[in-house]
N, C-alpha and C. Protein backbone atom coordinates (compact mmCIF):
# COMPACT_ATOMS: atom_id res chain seq x y z
N UNK A 1 -0.21 -2.25 22.75
CA UNK A 1 1.22 -2.53 22.75
C UNK A 1 1.66 -3.49 23.85
N UNK A 2 0.84 -3.68 24.88
CA UNK A 2 1.20 -4.59 25.96
C UNK A 2 0.59 -5.97 25.79
N UNK A 3 -0.15 -6.18 24.72
CA UNK A 3 -0.78 -7.48 24.50
C UNK A 3 0.28 -8.53 24.19
N UNK A 4 0.02 -9.73 24.64
CA UNK A 4 0.92 -10.85 24.35
C UNK A 4 0.34 -11.61 23.16
N UNK A 5 1.11 -11.65 22.07
CA UNK A 5 0.70 -12.36 20.87
C UNK A 5 1.71 -13.47 20.63
N UNK A 6 1.23 -14.68 20.50
CA UNK A 6 2.10 -15.82 20.25
C UNK A 6 1.80 -16.34 18.86
N UNK A 7 2.82 -16.41 17.99
CA UNK A 7 2.66 -16.89 16.62
C UNK A 7 3.24 -18.29 16.53
N UNK A 8 2.45 -19.20 16.00
CA UNK A 8 2.88 -20.59 15.84
C UNK A 8 2.83 -20.91 14.35
N UNK A 9 3.91 -21.39 13.81
CA UNK A 9 3.97 -21.80 12.42
C UNK A 9 4.07 -23.32 12.37
N UNK A 10 3.09 -23.93 11.73
CA UNK A 10 3.04 -25.40 11.67
C UNK A 10 2.12 -25.80 10.51
N UNK A 11 2.14 -27.09 10.14
CA UNK A 11 1.22 -27.55 9.10
C UNK A 11 -0.24 -27.28 9.48
N UNK A 12 -1.04 -27.01 8.46
CA UNK A 12 -2.43 -26.61 8.65
C UNK A 12 -3.23 -27.61 9.49
N UNK A 13 -3.12 -28.91 9.19
CA UNK A 13 -3.94 -29.89 9.91
C UNK A 13 -3.70 -29.84 11.41
N UNK A 14 -2.45 -29.70 11.82
CA UNK A 14 -2.13 -29.61 13.24
C UNK A 14 -2.66 -28.34 13.87
N UNK A 15 -2.55 -27.23 13.13
CA UNK A 15 -3.08 -25.97 13.64
C UNK A 15 -4.60 -26.02 13.76
N UNK A 16 -5.25 -26.62 12.76
CA UNK A 16 -6.71 -26.72 12.79
C UNK A 16 -7.17 -27.55 13.99
N UNK A 17 -6.49 -28.63 14.26
CA UNK A 17 -6.85 -29.46 15.42
C UNK A 17 -6.69 -28.67 16.72
N UNK A 18 -5.61 -27.91 16.82
CA UNK A 18 -5.39 -27.11 18.03
C UNK A 18 -6.42 -25.99 18.14
N UNK A 19 -6.81 -25.41 17.00
CA UNK A 19 -7.85 -24.39 16.99
C UNK A 19 -9.17 -24.98 17.48
N UNK A 20 -9.55 -26.11 16.93
CA UNK A 20 -10.82 -26.74 17.28
C UNK A 20 -10.87 -27.17 18.74
N UNK A 21 -9.69 -27.47 19.32
CA UNK A 21 -9.64 -27.87 20.74
C UNK A 21 -9.44 -26.68 21.68
N UNK A 22 -9.42 -25.47 21.14
CA UNK A 22 -9.30 -24.28 21.98
C UNK A 22 -7.90 -23.96 22.46
N UNK A 23 -6.90 -24.64 21.92
CA UNK A 23 -5.51 -24.38 22.31
C UNK A 23 -5.02 -23.06 21.70
N UNK A 24 -5.46 -22.78 20.47
CA UNK A 24 -5.17 -21.51 19.84
C UNK A 24 -6.49 -20.86 19.45
N UNK A 25 -6.46 -19.54 19.25
CA UNK A 25 -7.70 -18.80 19.02
C UNK A 25 -8.00 -18.53 17.55
N UNK A 26 -6.99 -18.20 16.75
CA UNK A 26 -7.21 -17.77 15.38
C UNK A 26 -6.10 -18.30 14.49
N UNK A 27 -6.46 -18.73 13.28
CA UNK A 27 -5.48 -19.06 12.26
C UNK A 27 -5.44 -17.90 11.28
N UNK A 28 -4.25 -17.53 10.85
CA UNK A 28 -4.06 -16.53 9.80
C UNK A 28 -3.25 -17.21 8.71
N UNK A 29 -3.83 -17.33 7.53
CA UNK A 29 -3.11 -18.00 6.45
C UNK A 29 -4.02 -18.32 5.29
N UNK A 30 -3.55 -19.21 4.43
CA UNK A 30 -4.31 -19.59 3.24
C UNK A 30 -5.59 -20.31 3.65
N UNK A 31 -6.70 -19.82 3.12
CA UNK A 31 -7.99 -20.43 3.41
C UNK A 31 -8.19 -21.69 2.58
N UNK A 32 -8.98 -22.60 3.09
CA UNK A 32 -9.24 -23.87 2.41
C UNK A 32 -10.58 -23.82 1.70
N UNK A 33 -10.61 -24.40 0.51
CA UNK A 33 -11.84 -24.48 -0.26
C UNK A 33 -11.91 -25.87 -0.87
N UNK A 34 -12.82 -26.68 -0.38
CA UNK A 34 -13.91 -26.35 0.52
C UNK A 34 -13.43 -26.30 1.98
N UNK A 35 -14.25 -25.71 2.80
CA UNK A 35 -13.99 -25.65 4.23
C UNK A 35 -13.85 -27.08 4.75
N UNK A 36 -12.77 -27.39 5.49
CA UNK A 36 -12.52 -28.78 5.87
C UNK A 36 -13.47 -29.35 6.92
N UNK A 37 -14.11 -28.49 7.68
CA UNK A 37 -14.99 -28.96 8.76
C UNK A 37 -16.01 -27.85 9.03
N UNK A 38 -17.18 -28.20 9.52
CA UNK A 38 -18.24 -27.19 9.63
C UNK A 38 -18.28 -26.44 10.95
N UNK A 39 -17.36 -26.72 11.87
CA UNK A 39 -17.39 -26.00 13.15
C UNK A 39 -16.40 -24.83 13.20
N UNK A 40 -15.87 -24.44 12.02
CA UNK A 40 -15.00 -23.26 11.95
C UNK A 40 -15.55 -22.29 10.90
N UNK A 41 -15.12 -21.04 11.03
CA UNK A 41 -15.51 -19.97 10.12
C UNK A 41 -14.25 -19.43 9.47
N UNK A 42 -14.30 -19.20 8.17
CA UNK A 42 -13.19 -18.57 7.47
C UNK A 42 -13.62 -17.17 7.01
N UNK A 43 -12.74 -16.19 7.23
CA UNK A 43 -13.02 -14.82 6.83
C UNK A 43 -11.87 -14.35 5.94
N UNK A 44 -12.12 -14.09 4.66
CA UNK A 44 -11.05 -13.66 3.76
C UNK A 44 -10.57 -12.25 4.07
N UNK A 45 -9.26 -12.04 3.91
CA UNK A 45 -8.66 -10.71 4.07
C UNK A 45 -8.15 -10.15 2.74
N UNK A 46 -7.44 -10.99 1.97
CA UNK A 46 -6.92 -10.53 0.68
C UNK A 46 -6.55 -11.72 -0.18
N UNK A 47 -6.42 -11.47 -1.47
CA UNK A 47 -5.97 -12.49 -2.41
C UNK A 47 -4.48 -12.28 -2.66
N UNK A 48 -3.73 -13.36 -2.64
CA UNK A 48 -2.28 -13.32 -2.75
C UNK A 48 -1.87 -14.06 -4.03
N UNK A 49 -1.56 -13.32 -5.11
CA UNK A 49 -1.24 -13.98 -6.38
C UNK A 49 0.01 -14.85 -6.29
N UNK A 50 -0.03 -15.93 -7.03
CA UNK A 50 1.10 -16.86 -7.07
C UNK A 50 2.03 -16.51 -8.23
N UNK A 51 3.29 -16.90 -8.07
CA UNK A 51 4.30 -16.67 -9.10
C UNK A 51 5.25 -17.86 -9.11
N UNK A 52 5.97 -18.01 -10.20
CA UNK A 52 7.03 -19.01 -10.26
C UNK A 52 8.32 -18.29 -9.86
N UNK A 53 9.01 -18.88 -8.90
CA UNK A 53 10.18 -18.24 -8.31
C UNK A 53 11.38 -19.18 -8.40
N UNK A 54 12.55 -18.59 -8.60
CA UNK A 54 13.81 -19.35 -8.67
C UNK A 54 14.92 -18.48 -8.10
N UNK A 55 16.10 -19.03 -8.05
CA UNK A 55 17.24 -18.26 -7.56
C UNK A 55 17.56 -17.14 -8.54
N UNK A 56 18.15 -16.08 -8.03
CA UNK A 56 18.63 -15.02 -8.91
C UNK A 56 19.71 -15.62 -9.80
N UNK A 57 19.70 -15.25 -11.05
CA UNK A 57 20.66 -15.80 -12.00
C UNK A 57 20.23 -17.11 -12.62
N UNK A 58 19.06 -17.61 -12.27
CA UNK A 58 18.55 -18.83 -12.88
C UNK A 58 18.44 -18.62 -14.38
N UNK A 59 18.74 -19.64 -15.20
CA UNK A 59 18.67 -19.47 -16.66
C UNK A 59 17.33 -18.93 -17.17
N UNK A 60 16.22 -19.25 -16.51
CA UNK A 60 14.92 -18.76 -16.97
C UNK A 60 14.62 -17.33 -16.51
N UNK A 61 15.35 -16.86 -15.52
CA UNK A 61 15.07 -15.52 -14.98
C UNK A 61 15.40 -14.42 -15.98
N UNK A 62 16.34 -14.67 -16.87
CA UNK A 62 16.74 -13.66 -17.83
C UNK A 62 16.03 -13.74 -19.17
N UNK A 63 15.17 -14.75 -19.33
CA UNK A 63 14.47 -14.90 -20.62
C UNK A 63 13.31 -13.91 -20.72
N UNK A 64 13.11 -13.41 -21.93
CA UNK A 64 12.00 -12.49 -22.16
C UNK A 64 10.66 -13.21 -22.09
N UNK A 65 10.62 -14.44 -22.60
CA UNK A 65 9.39 -15.22 -22.58
C UNK A 65 9.73 -16.66 -22.20
N UNK A 66 8.99 -17.19 -21.25
CA UNK A 66 9.21 -18.55 -20.76
C UNK A 66 8.00 -19.39 -21.16
N UNK A 67 8.25 -20.60 -21.66
CA UNK A 67 7.18 -21.50 -22.07
C UNK A 67 6.98 -22.60 -21.02
N UNK A 68 5.88 -23.34 -21.15
CA UNK A 68 5.64 -24.49 -20.27
C UNK A 68 6.76 -25.51 -20.42
N UNK A 69 7.23 -25.72 -21.66
CA UNK A 69 8.33 -26.66 -21.88
C UNK A 69 9.59 -26.21 -21.16
N UNK A 70 9.85 -24.91 -21.12
CA UNK A 70 10.99 -24.39 -20.35
C UNK A 70 10.85 -24.78 -18.88
N UNK A 71 9.65 -24.62 -18.34
CA UNK A 71 9.41 -24.93 -16.92
C UNK A 71 9.56 -26.42 -16.64
N UNK A 72 9.17 -27.25 -17.60
CA UNK A 72 9.26 -28.70 -17.43
C UNK A 72 10.69 -29.21 -17.53
N UNK A 73 11.60 -28.38 -18.00
CA UNK A 73 13.00 -28.80 -18.16
C UNK A 73 13.79 -28.69 -16.86
N UNK A 74 13.16 -28.20 -15.79
CA UNK A 74 13.87 -28.01 -14.52
C UNK A 74 13.16 -28.78 -13.40
N UNK A 75 13.92 -29.18 -12.38
CA UNK A 75 13.28 -29.81 -11.22
C UNK A 75 12.57 -28.76 -10.36
N UNK A 76 11.65 -29.21 -9.55
CA UNK A 76 10.83 -28.31 -8.74
C UNK A 76 10.89 -28.67 -7.27
N UNK A 77 10.69 -27.68 -6.43
CA UNK A 77 10.42 -27.88 -5.01
C UNK A 77 9.00 -27.35 -4.80
N UNK A 78 8.16 -28.20 -4.21
CA UNK A 78 6.73 -27.87 -4.11
C UNK A 78 6.23 -28.00 -2.67
N UNK A 79 5.16 -27.26 -2.35
CA UNK A 79 4.59 -27.40 -1.00
C UNK A 79 3.83 -28.72 -0.87
N UNK A 80 3.43 -29.03 0.35
CA UNK A 80 2.75 -30.28 0.65
C UNK A 80 1.44 -30.45 -0.10
N UNK A 81 1.03 -31.70 -0.27
CA UNK A 81 -0.19 -32.06 -1.00
C UNK A 81 -1.43 -31.34 -0.47
N UNK A 82 -1.49 -31.08 0.80
CA UNK A 82 -2.70 -30.56 1.42
C UNK A 82 -2.86 -29.05 1.27
N UNK A 83 -1.95 -28.38 0.61
CA UNK A 83 -1.97 -26.93 0.53
C UNK A 83 -2.69 -26.41 -0.72
N UNK A 84 -3.30 -25.23 -0.62
CA UNK A 84 -3.93 -24.64 -1.81
C UNK A 84 -2.93 -24.39 -2.95
N UNK A 85 -1.71 -24.03 -2.62
CA UNK A 85 -0.70 -23.79 -3.66
C UNK A 85 -0.39 -25.07 -4.43
N UNK A 86 -0.33 -26.18 -3.74
CA UNK A 86 -0.08 -27.46 -4.42
C UNK A 86 -1.22 -27.80 -5.36
N UNK A 87 -2.45 -27.46 -4.99
CA UNK A 87 -3.59 -27.70 -5.88
C UNK A 87 -3.43 -26.91 -7.18
N UNK A 88 -2.95 -25.67 -7.09
CA UNK A 88 -2.72 -24.86 -8.29
C UNK A 88 -1.59 -25.49 -9.11
N UNK A 89 -0.54 -25.96 -8.43
CA UNK A 89 0.56 -26.62 -9.13
C UNK A 89 0.05 -27.81 -9.96
N UNK A 90 -0.82 -28.62 -9.34
CA UNK A 90 -1.38 -29.78 -10.06
C UNK A 90 -2.26 -29.36 -11.23
N UNK A 91 -2.94 -28.23 -11.11
CA UNK A 91 -3.73 -27.73 -12.24
C UNK A 91 -2.81 -27.30 -13.38
N UNK A 92 -1.70 -26.68 -13.03
CA UNK A 92 -0.75 -26.23 -14.05
C UNK A 92 -0.02 -27.40 -14.69
N UNK A 93 0.34 -28.39 -13.86
CA UNK A 93 1.16 -29.51 -14.31
C UNK A 93 0.52 -30.83 -13.90
N UNK A 94 -0.27 -31.43 -14.80
CA UNK A 94 -0.85 -32.75 -14.51
C UNK A 94 0.25 -33.80 -14.32
N UNK A 95 -0.13 -34.97 -13.86
CA UNK A 95 0.84 -36.03 -13.54
C UNK A 95 1.79 -36.34 -14.70
N UNK A 96 1.29 -36.33 -15.94
CA UNK A 96 2.16 -36.60 -17.09
C UNK A 96 3.28 -35.57 -17.18
N UNK A 97 2.97 -34.31 -16.91
CA UNK A 97 3.98 -33.25 -16.92
C UNK A 97 4.99 -33.45 -15.79
N UNK A 98 4.48 -33.79 -14.62
CA UNK A 98 5.37 -33.99 -13.46
C UNK A 98 6.34 -35.12 -13.75
N UNK A 99 5.89 -36.16 -14.43
CA UNK A 99 6.76 -37.30 -14.77
C UNK A 99 7.89 -36.87 -15.70
N UNK A 100 7.70 -35.82 -16.47
CA UNK A 100 8.73 -35.32 -17.40
C UNK A 100 9.77 -34.44 -16.71
N UNK A 101 9.47 -33.95 -15.52
CA UNK A 101 10.40 -33.05 -14.83
C UNK A 101 11.63 -33.82 -14.37
N UNK A 102 12.83 -33.29 -14.65
CA UNK A 102 14.05 -33.99 -14.23
C UNK A 102 14.30 -33.82 -12.73
N UNK A 103 15.08 -34.72 -12.20
CA UNK A 103 15.57 -34.55 -10.84
C UNK A 103 14.58 -34.81 -9.74
N UNK A 104 13.44 -35.37 -10.07
CA UNK A 104 12.45 -35.65 -9.03
C UNK A 104 11.87 -34.37 -8.45
N UNK A 105 10.83 -34.54 -7.69
CA UNK A 105 10.18 -33.40 -7.06
C UNK A 105 10.52 -33.41 -5.58
N UNK A 106 10.95 -32.26 -5.08
CA UNK A 106 11.27 -32.08 -3.66
C UNK A 106 10.03 -31.47 -3.02
N UNK A 107 9.47 -32.14 -2.02
CA UNK A 107 8.25 -31.68 -1.38
C UNK A 107 8.50 -31.26 0.05
N UNK A 108 8.09 -30.05 0.39
CA UNK A 108 8.17 -29.57 1.76
C UNK A 108 7.19 -28.42 1.95
N UNK A 109 6.66 -28.29 3.14
CA UNK A 109 5.82 -27.15 3.47
C UNK A 109 6.60 -26.12 4.27
N UNK A 110 7.89 -26.34 4.44
CA UNK A 110 8.74 -25.39 5.16
C UNK A 110 9.21 -24.31 4.21
N UNK A 111 8.75 -23.09 4.43
CA UNK A 111 9.16 -21.97 3.59
C UNK A 111 10.66 -21.72 3.71
N UNK A 112 11.21 -21.92 4.87
CA UNK A 112 12.65 -21.76 5.07
C UNK A 112 13.42 -22.76 4.21
N UNK A 113 12.96 -24.00 4.18
CA UNK A 113 13.63 -25.03 3.38
C UNK A 113 13.46 -24.75 1.89
N UNK A 114 12.26 -24.32 1.47
CA UNK A 114 12.03 -23.98 0.06
C UNK A 114 13.01 -22.89 -0.36
N UNK A 115 13.14 -21.85 0.44
CA UNK A 115 14.07 -20.76 0.12
C UNK A 115 15.50 -21.27 0.01
N UNK A 116 15.90 -22.13 0.92
CA UNK A 116 17.25 -22.68 0.90
C UNK A 116 17.51 -23.53 -0.33
N UNK A 117 16.54 -24.38 -0.68
CA UNK A 117 16.69 -25.23 -1.86
C UNK A 117 16.77 -24.36 -3.12
N UNK A 118 15.95 -23.33 -3.20
CA UNK A 118 15.97 -22.46 -4.38
C UNK A 118 17.31 -21.76 -4.54
N UNK A 119 17.82 -21.18 -3.46
CA UNK A 119 19.06 -20.41 -3.58
C UNK A 119 20.26 -21.29 -3.87
N UNK A 120 20.16 -22.59 -3.60
CA UNK A 120 21.29 -23.49 -3.82
C UNK A 120 21.15 -24.41 -5.01
N UNK A 121 20.18 -24.15 -5.89
CA UNK A 121 19.96 -25.05 -7.02
C UNK A 121 19.25 -24.31 -8.16
N UNK A 122 18.97 -25.05 -9.22
CA UNK A 122 18.19 -24.51 -10.33
C UNK A 122 16.72 -24.92 -10.25
N UNK A 123 16.29 -25.39 -9.09
CA UNK A 123 14.89 -25.76 -8.93
C UNK A 123 13.99 -24.54 -9.02
N UNK A 124 12.75 -24.79 -9.38
CA UNK A 124 11.71 -23.77 -9.44
C UNK A 124 10.69 -24.07 -8.36
N UNK A 125 9.89 -23.06 -8.00
CA UNK A 125 8.78 -23.29 -7.09
C UNK A 125 7.63 -22.37 -7.45
N UNK A 126 6.48 -22.70 -6.92
CA UNK A 126 5.29 -21.89 -7.07
C UNK A 126 4.95 -21.36 -5.69
N UNK A 127 4.99 -20.05 -5.55
CA UNK A 127 4.63 -19.44 -4.28
C UNK A 127 4.25 -17.99 -4.50
N UNK A 128 3.78 -17.39 -3.46
CA UNK A 128 3.44 -15.98 -3.51
C UNK A 128 4.71 -15.16 -3.45
N UNK A 129 4.78 -14.12 -4.27
CA UNK A 129 5.94 -13.23 -4.21
C UNK A 129 6.06 -12.59 -2.84
N UNK A 130 4.93 -12.42 -2.13
CA UNK A 130 4.97 -11.87 -0.77
C UNK A 130 5.72 -12.79 0.18
N UNK A 131 5.63 -14.09 -0.06
CA UNK A 131 6.31 -15.04 0.81
C UNK A 131 7.83 -14.95 0.66
N UNK A 132 8.29 -14.45 -0.47
CA UNK A 132 9.72 -14.34 -0.72
C UNK A 132 10.14 -12.89 -0.89
N UNK A 133 9.37 -11.97 -0.34
CA UNK A 133 9.61 -10.55 -0.55
C UNK A 133 11.02 -10.13 -0.14
N UNK A 134 11.49 -10.57 1.01
CA UNK A 134 12.83 -10.20 1.46
C UNK A 134 13.89 -10.70 0.48
N UNK A 135 13.79 -11.97 0.08
CA UNK A 135 14.78 -12.55 -0.83
C UNK A 135 14.73 -11.90 -2.21
N UNK A 136 13.53 -11.53 -2.65
CA UNK A 136 13.40 -10.82 -3.93
C UNK A 136 14.02 -9.43 -3.83
N UNK A 137 13.73 -8.71 -2.76
CA UNK A 137 14.29 -7.38 -2.56
C UNK A 137 15.81 -7.41 -2.43
N UNK A 138 16.34 -8.47 -1.83
CA UNK A 138 17.79 -8.60 -1.64
C UNK A 138 18.49 -9.15 -2.88
N UNK A 139 17.73 -9.52 -3.89
CA UNK A 139 18.33 -10.05 -5.11
C UNK A 139 18.76 -11.50 -5.01
N UNK A 140 18.24 -12.23 -4.02
CA UNK A 140 18.58 -13.65 -3.85
C UNK A 140 17.68 -14.55 -4.70
N UNK A 141 16.44 -14.13 -4.89
CA UNK A 141 15.48 -14.88 -5.68
C UNK A 141 14.92 -13.97 -6.78
N UNK A 142 14.33 -14.60 -7.80
CA UNK A 142 13.75 -13.85 -8.91
C UNK A 142 12.43 -14.49 -9.31
N UNK A 143 11.51 -13.67 -9.79
CA UNK A 143 10.25 -14.16 -10.34
C UNK A 143 10.49 -14.51 -11.80
N UNK A 144 10.09 -15.70 -12.18
CA UNK A 144 10.23 -16.16 -13.57
C UNK A 144 9.07 -15.57 -14.38
N UNK A 145 9.36 -15.01 -15.56
CA UNK A 145 8.31 -14.35 -16.35
C UNK A 145 7.38 -15.35 -17.05
N UNK A 146 6.53 -15.95 -16.25
CA UNK A 146 5.52 -16.87 -16.76
C UNK A 146 4.23 -16.61 -15.99
N UNK A 147 3.14 -16.30 -16.67
CA UNK A 147 1.91 -15.96 -15.94
C UNK A 147 1.30 -17.18 -15.26
N UNK A 148 0.90 -16.99 -14.02
CA UNK A 148 0.19 -18.02 -13.28
C UNK A 148 -1.27 -17.56 -13.22
N UNK A 149 -2.00 -17.91 -14.26
CA UNK A 149 -3.38 -17.43 -14.40
C UNK A 149 -4.39 -18.26 -13.62
N UNK A 150 -3.96 -19.38 -13.09
CA UNK A 150 -4.91 -20.31 -12.48
C UNK A 150 -5.34 -19.91 -11.08
N UNK A 151 -4.63 -18.98 -10.50
CA UNK A 151 -5.12 -18.65 -9.18
C UNK A 151 -4.16 -17.91 -8.30
N UNK A 152 -4.72 -17.63 -7.17
CA UNK A 152 -3.98 -17.00 -6.10
C UNK A 152 -4.44 -17.66 -4.82
N UNK A 153 -3.73 -17.40 -3.79
CA UNK A 153 -4.14 -17.93 -2.50
C UNK A 153 -5.01 -16.88 -1.82
N UNK A 154 -6.16 -17.30 -1.33
CA UNK A 154 -6.97 -16.38 -0.54
C UNK A 154 -6.49 -16.50 0.91
N UNK A 155 -6.03 -15.39 1.44
CA UNK A 155 -5.50 -15.34 2.79
C UNK A 155 -6.57 -14.77 3.72
N UNK A 156 -6.70 -15.35 4.88
CA UNK A 156 -7.70 -14.87 5.81
C UNK A 156 -7.56 -15.46 7.19
N UNK A 157 -8.61 -15.28 7.95
CA UNK A 157 -8.65 -15.74 9.34
C UNK A 157 -9.60 -16.92 9.45
N UNK A 158 -9.27 -17.83 10.34
CA UNK A 158 -10.15 -18.97 10.64
C UNK A 158 -10.26 -19.06 12.15
N UNK A 159 -11.49 -19.24 12.63
CA UNK A 159 -11.70 -19.45 14.06
C UNK A 159 -12.88 -20.38 14.27
N UNK A 160 -13.03 -20.84 15.52
CA UNK A 160 -14.15 -21.72 15.87
C UNK A 160 -15.47 -20.95 15.70
N UNK A 161 -16.48 -21.64 15.22
CA UNK A 161 -17.77 -21.00 14.96
C UNK A 161 -18.33 -20.35 16.23
N UNK A 162 -18.11 -20.95 17.38
CA UNK A 162 -18.67 -20.41 18.63
C UNK A 162 -17.70 -19.50 19.39
N UNK A 163 -16.56 -19.16 18.80
CA UNK A 163 -15.55 -18.34 19.47
C UNK A 163 -16.01 -16.90 19.61
N UNK A 164 -15.78 -16.31 20.75
CA UNK A 164 -16.06 -14.90 20.99
C UNK A 164 -14.75 -14.24 21.43
N UNK A 165 -14.20 -13.34 20.61
CA UNK A 165 -12.92 -12.74 20.94
C UNK A 165 -13.01 -11.78 22.13
N UNK A 166 -11.91 -11.70 22.84
CA UNK A 166 -11.79 -10.71 23.91
C UNK A 166 -11.65 -9.33 23.27
N UNK A 167 -11.79 -8.27 24.03
CA UNK A 167 -11.58 -6.93 23.45
C UNK A 167 -10.18 -6.77 22.81
N UNK A 168 -9.17 -7.33 23.42
CA UNK A 168 -7.81 -7.25 22.86
C UNK A 168 -7.72 -8.02 21.55
N UNK A 169 -8.32 -9.21 21.51
CA UNK A 169 -8.32 -9.99 20.27
C UNK A 169 -9.07 -9.26 19.16
N UNK A 170 -10.16 -8.59 19.49
CA UNK A 170 -10.89 -7.81 18.49
C UNK A 170 -10.02 -6.69 17.93
N UNK A 171 -9.23 -6.05 18.78
CA UNK A 171 -8.33 -4.99 18.32
C UNK A 171 -7.31 -5.56 17.34
N UNK A 172 -6.73 -6.72 17.67
CA UNK A 172 -5.76 -7.36 16.78
C UNK A 172 -6.41 -7.68 15.43
N UNK A 173 -7.59 -8.25 15.45
CA UNK A 173 -8.29 -8.59 14.20
C UNK A 173 -8.57 -7.32 13.39
N UNK A 174 -8.98 -6.26 14.06
CA UNK A 174 -9.22 -4.99 13.35
C UNK A 174 -7.93 -4.46 12.72
N UNK A 175 -6.81 -4.58 13.43
CA UNK A 175 -5.52 -4.16 12.86
C UNK A 175 -5.17 -5.00 11.63
N UNK A 176 -5.39 -6.31 11.72
CA UNK A 176 -5.11 -7.17 10.58
C UNK A 176 -5.98 -6.78 9.38
N UNK A 177 -7.23 -6.51 9.62
CA UNK A 177 -8.13 -6.10 8.54
C UNK A 177 -7.67 -4.79 7.89
N UNK A 178 -7.30 -3.83 8.72
CA UNK A 178 -6.88 -2.53 8.18
C UNK A 178 -5.54 -2.60 7.47
N UNK A 179 -4.70 -3.52 7.86
CA UNK A 179 -3.36 -3.59 7.27
C UNK A 179 -3.33 -4.36 5.95
N UNK A 180 -4.43 -5.00 5.61
CA UNK A 180 -4.47 -5.72 4.33
C UNK A 180 -5.03 -4.80 3.27
N UNK A 181 -4.55 -4.99 2.08
CA UNK A 181 -4.91 -4.14 0.95
C UNK A 181 -6.41 -4.03 0.75
N UNK A 182 -7.08 -5.18 0.63
CA UNK A 182 -8.52 -5.15 0.39
C UNK A 182 -9.30 -5.86 1.49
N UNK A 183 -8.66 -6.09 2.62
CA UNK A 183 -9.31 -6.79 3.72
C UNK A 183 -10.52 -6.08 4.27
N UNK A 184 -10.52 -4.75 4.25
CA UNK A 184 -11.66 -4.02 4.78
C UNK A 184 -12.91 -4.34 3.97
N UNK A 185 -12.75 -4.49 2.65
CA UNK A 185 -13.90 -4.81 1.81
C UNK A 185 -14.35 -6.25 2.00
N UNK A 186 -13.39 -7.17 2.06
CA UNK A 186 -13.74 -8.59 2.14
C UNK A 186 -14.27 -8.99 3.50
N UNK A 187 -13.82 -8.31 4.55
CA UNK A 187 -14.15 -8.77 5.90
C UNK A 187 -15.12 -7.84 6.64
N UNK A 188 -15.80 -6.96 5.93
CA UNK A 188 -16.73 -6.06 6.61
C UNK A 188 -17.85 -6.78 7.34
N UNK A 189 -18.26 -7.90 6.81
CA UNK A 189 -19.36 -8.63 7.41
C UNK A 189 -18.89 -9.77 8.30
N UNK A 190 -17.75 -9.57 8.95
CA UNK A 190 -17.19 -10.61 9.81
C UNK A 190 -18.17 -10.93 10.93
N UNK A 191 -18.40 -12.20 11.19
CA UNK A 191 -19.34 -12.59 12.25
C UNK A 191 -18.69 -12.49 13.63
N UNK A 192 -18.45 -11.27 14.08
CA UNK A 192 -17.88 -11.07 15.43
C UNK A 192 -18.88 -10.34 16.30
């Protein structure tokens, strides 16, 4: 309880550079496939399914069945090109589909901005329902009834290959493993 934990939220490339230079110790977030560089280790904790999300009251939120054409009839806000979620978006919607979407595509990796754009418009997005749990629980956002069968984000830890955690850091990592649904199974063979 007396440990000092500092959380930094920033684009992955910047965090990875800081990790590799020893400025930060561990990344917690969406893992990259393939691994972007060979001097880091990725340890999966859990899989985070993706969903299509919109504002509460969105015209598609009340439909019993939503089609791809329904989804193409609305503008989207999407995460940055370098993210695993964007890769799934491109698998779902090739360039020809994106060209059919009205209103242009709004691109940002800021979850706060994505939430704001969604609540103030009819745009759709692809993200984990966990990322919008508060807004979903509060009735501000809704999951659109369309299956995202192409994937989920694998969430885990990334650290330098030669990093050796302090006893306090090991306790934090153990807490993270225990607090994830299936992290104990995925991370039992962690190289610590």
